[in-house]
C-alpha atoms as a PDB file:
ATOM      1  CA  MET A   1     -33.300 -55.525  81.415  1.00  0.00           C
ATOM      2  CA  LYS A   2     -35.004 -52.152  81.141  1.00  0.00           C
ATOM      3  CA  LEU A   3     -31.746 -50.570  79.978  1.00  0.00           C
ATOM      4  CA  THR A   4     -31.328 -53.219  77.278  1.00  0.00           C
ATOM      5  CA  LEU A   5     -34.864 -52.672  75.973  1.00  0.00           C
ATOM      6  CA  LEU A   6     -34.397 -48.918  75.969  1.00  0.00           C
ATOM      7  CA  LYS A   7     -31.131 -49.266  74.084  1.00  0.00           C
ATOM      8  CA  PHE A   8     -32.817 -51.571  71.544  1.00  0.00           C
ATOM      9  CA  TRP A   9     -35.753 -49.149  71.125  1.00  0.00           C
ATOM     10  CA  LYS A  10     -33.458 -46.196  70.360  1.00  0.00           C
ATOM     11  CA  ASP A  11     -31.220 -48.148  67.966  1.00  0.00           C
ATOM     12  CA  GLU A  12     -31.829 -46.883  64.396  1.00  0.00           C
ATOM     13  CA  GLU A  13     -29.233 -48.984  62.614  1.00  0.00           C
ATOM     14  CA  GLY A  14     -31.749 -51.159  60.717  1.00  0.00           C
ATOM     15  CA  ALA A  15     -34.120 -48.283  59.961  1.00  0.00           C
ATOM     16  CA  THR A  16     -32.021 -47.062  57.031  1.00  0.00           C
ATOM     17  CA  ALA A  17     -32.134 -50.450  55.311  1.00  0.00           C
ATOM     18  CA  ILE A  18     -35.902 -50.598  55.746  1.00  0.00           C
ATOM     19  CA  GLU A  19     -36.283 -47.094  54.334  1.00  0.00           C
ATOM     20  CA  TYR A  20     -34.217 -48.004  51.276  1.00  0.00           C
ATOM     21  CA  ALA A  21     -36.287 -51.148  50.777  1.00  0.00           C
ATOM     22  CA  LEU A  22     -39.512 -49.132  50.937  1.00  0.00           C
ATOM     23  CA  ILE A  23     -38.162 -46.592  48.432  1.00  0.00           C
ATOM     24  CA  ALA A  24     -37.057 -49.372  46.064  1.00  0.00           C
ATOM     25  CA  GLY A  25     -40.478 -51.004  46.335  1.00  0.00           C
ATOM     26  CA  LEU A  26     -42.215 -47.713  45.584  1.00  0.00           C
ATOM     27  CA  ILE A  27     -40.005 -47.114  42.550  1.00  0.00           C
ATOM     28  CA  ALA A  28     -40.823 -50.617  41.288  1.00  0.00           C
ATOM     29  CA  VAL A  29     -44.555 -49.959  41.658  1.00  0.00           C
ATOM     30  CA  VAL A  30     -44.237 -46.664  39.743  1.00  0.00           C
ATOM     31  CA  ILE A  31     -42.269 -48.329  36.934  1.00  0.00           C
ATOM     32  CA  ILE A  32     -44.804 -51.154  36.627  1.00  0.00           C
ATOM     33  CA  ALA A  33     -47.704 -48.681  36.569  1.00  0.00           C
ATOM     34  CA  ALA A  34     -45.994 -46.534  33.916  1.00  0.00           C
ATOM     35  CA  LEU A  35     -45.205 -49.514  31.688  1.00  0.00           C
ATOM     36  CA  THR A  36     -48.746 -50.793  32.027  1.00  0.00           C
ATOM     37  CA  ALA A  37     -50.191 -47.403  31.104  1.00  0.00           C
ATOM     38  CA  LEU A  38     -47.786 -46.850  28.197  1.00  0.00           C
ATOM     39  CA  GLY A  39     -47.580 -50.463  27.023  1.00  0.00           C
ATOM     40  CA  GLY A  40     -49.923 -50.004  24.068  1.00  0.00           C
ATOM     41  CA  SER A  41     -48.187 -46.835  22.931  1.00  0.00           C
ATOM     42  CA  ILE A  42     -44.750 -48.421  23.130  1.00  0.00           C
ATOM     43  CA  LYS A  43     -45.958 -51.475  21.220  1.00  0.00           C
ATOM     44  CA  GLY A  44     -47.475 -49.215  18.559  1.00  0.00           C
ATOM     45  CA  LEU A  45     -44.215 -47.291  18.256  1.00  0.00           C
ATOM     46  CA  PHE A  46     -42.163 -50.443  17.722  1.00  0.00           C
ATOM     47  CA  GLU A  47     -44.674 -51.769  15.184  1.00  0.00           C
ATOM     48  CA  PHE A  48     -44.480 -48.436  13.321  1.00  0.00           C
ATOM     49  CA  ILE A  49     -40.675 -48.629  13.255  1.00  0.00           C
ATOM     50  CA  GLN A  50     -40.804 -52.245  12.085  1.00  0.00           C
ATOM     51  CA  ASP A  51     -43.198 -51.356   9.260  1.00  0.00           C
ATOM     52  CA  LYS A  52     -40.929 -48.503   8.131  1.00  0.00           C
ATOM     53  CA  VAL A  53     -37.825 -50.704   8.188  1.00  0.00           C
ATOM     54  CA  ASP A  54     -39.611 -53.497   6.315  1.00  0.00           C
ATOM     55  CA  GLY A  55     -40.878 -50.963   3.772  1.00  0.00           C
ATOM     56  CA  ALA A  56     -37.379 -49.546   3.264  1.00  0.00           C
ATOM     57  CA  ILE A  57     -35.933 -53.018   2.740  1.00  0.00           C
ATOM     58  CA  THR A  58     -38.677 -53.956   0.285  1.00  0.00           C
ATOM     59  CA  ALA A  59     -38.349 -50.633  -1.580  1.00  0.00           C
ATOM     60  CA  GLY A  60     -34.609 -51.274  -1.882  1.00  0.00           C
ATOM     61  CA  GLY A  61     -35.282 -54.537  -3.708  1.00  0.00           C
ATOM     62  CA  GLY A  62     -34.288 -56.782  -0.842  1.00  0.00           C
ATOM     63  CA  THR A  63     -36.209 -58.990   1.476  1.00  0.00           C
ATOM     64  CA  PRO A  64     -36.316 -58.684   5.237  1.00  0.00           C
ATOM     65  CA  PRO A  65     -33.646 -60.771   6.965  1.00  0.00           C
ATOM     66  CA  THR A  66     -34.771 -64.105   8.351  1.00  0.00           C
ATOM     67  CA  GLY A  67     -32.048 -64.417  10.966  1.00  0.00           C
ATOM     68  CA  GLY A  68     -29.846 -66.955   9.217  1.00  0.00           C
ATOM     69  CA  GLY A  69     -27.459 -67.307   6.335  1.00  0.00           C
ATOM     70  CA  THR A  70     -24.523 -65.135   5.442  1.00  0.00           C
ATOM     71  CA  PRO A  71     -24.581 -61.386   4.986  1.00  0.00           C
ATOM     72  CA  PRO A  72     -24.413 -59.950   1.467  1.00  0.00           C
ATOM     73  CA  THR A  73     -20.889 -59.604   0.066  1.00  0.00           C
ATOM     74  CA  GLY A  74     -21.475 -56.828  -2.422  1.00  0.00           C
ATOM     75  CA  GLY A  75     -22.352 -57.293  -6.028  1.00  0.00           C
ATOM     76  CA  GLY A  76     -25.554 -55.942  -7.424  1.00  0.00           C
ATOM     77  CA  THR A  77     -25.797 -52.486  -8.933  1.00  0.00           C
ATOM     78  CA  PRO A  78     -23.197 -49.928  -7.829  1.00  0.00           C
ATOM     79  CA  PRO A  79     -24.488 -46.624  -6.484  1.00  0.00           C
ATOM     80  CA  THR A  80     -24.842 -43.813  -8.988  1.00  0.00           C
ATOM     81  CA  GLY A  81     -23.521 -40.281  -8.649  1.00  0.00           C
ATOM     82  CA  GLY A  82     -20.799 -38.921  -6.426  1.00  0.00           C
ATOM     83  CA  SER A  83     -17.124 -38.458  -7.140  1.00  0.00           C
ATOM     84  CA  GLY A  84     -16.318 -42.168  -6.866  1.00  0.00           C
ATOM     85  CA  GLY A  85     -13.032 -41.520  -5.198  1.00  0.00           C
END
């Protein structure tokens, strides 16, 4: 019995899996903390990009897409300048 317990005590086969689980848990905590800290900045960045894209679409005479319908098939005013070839 003593030999079996000693053998079990020295067995490190499951230790690696536990170590990997602890590392994965720590990485998850770091990612969550970073996203929480940077959440406002990331949201502001995406809102800035959205405003610029909406402004470019409006300045081009179009309207922002609504997610439905068919894409434009051409028509309108052709571009000016260039060699045309």
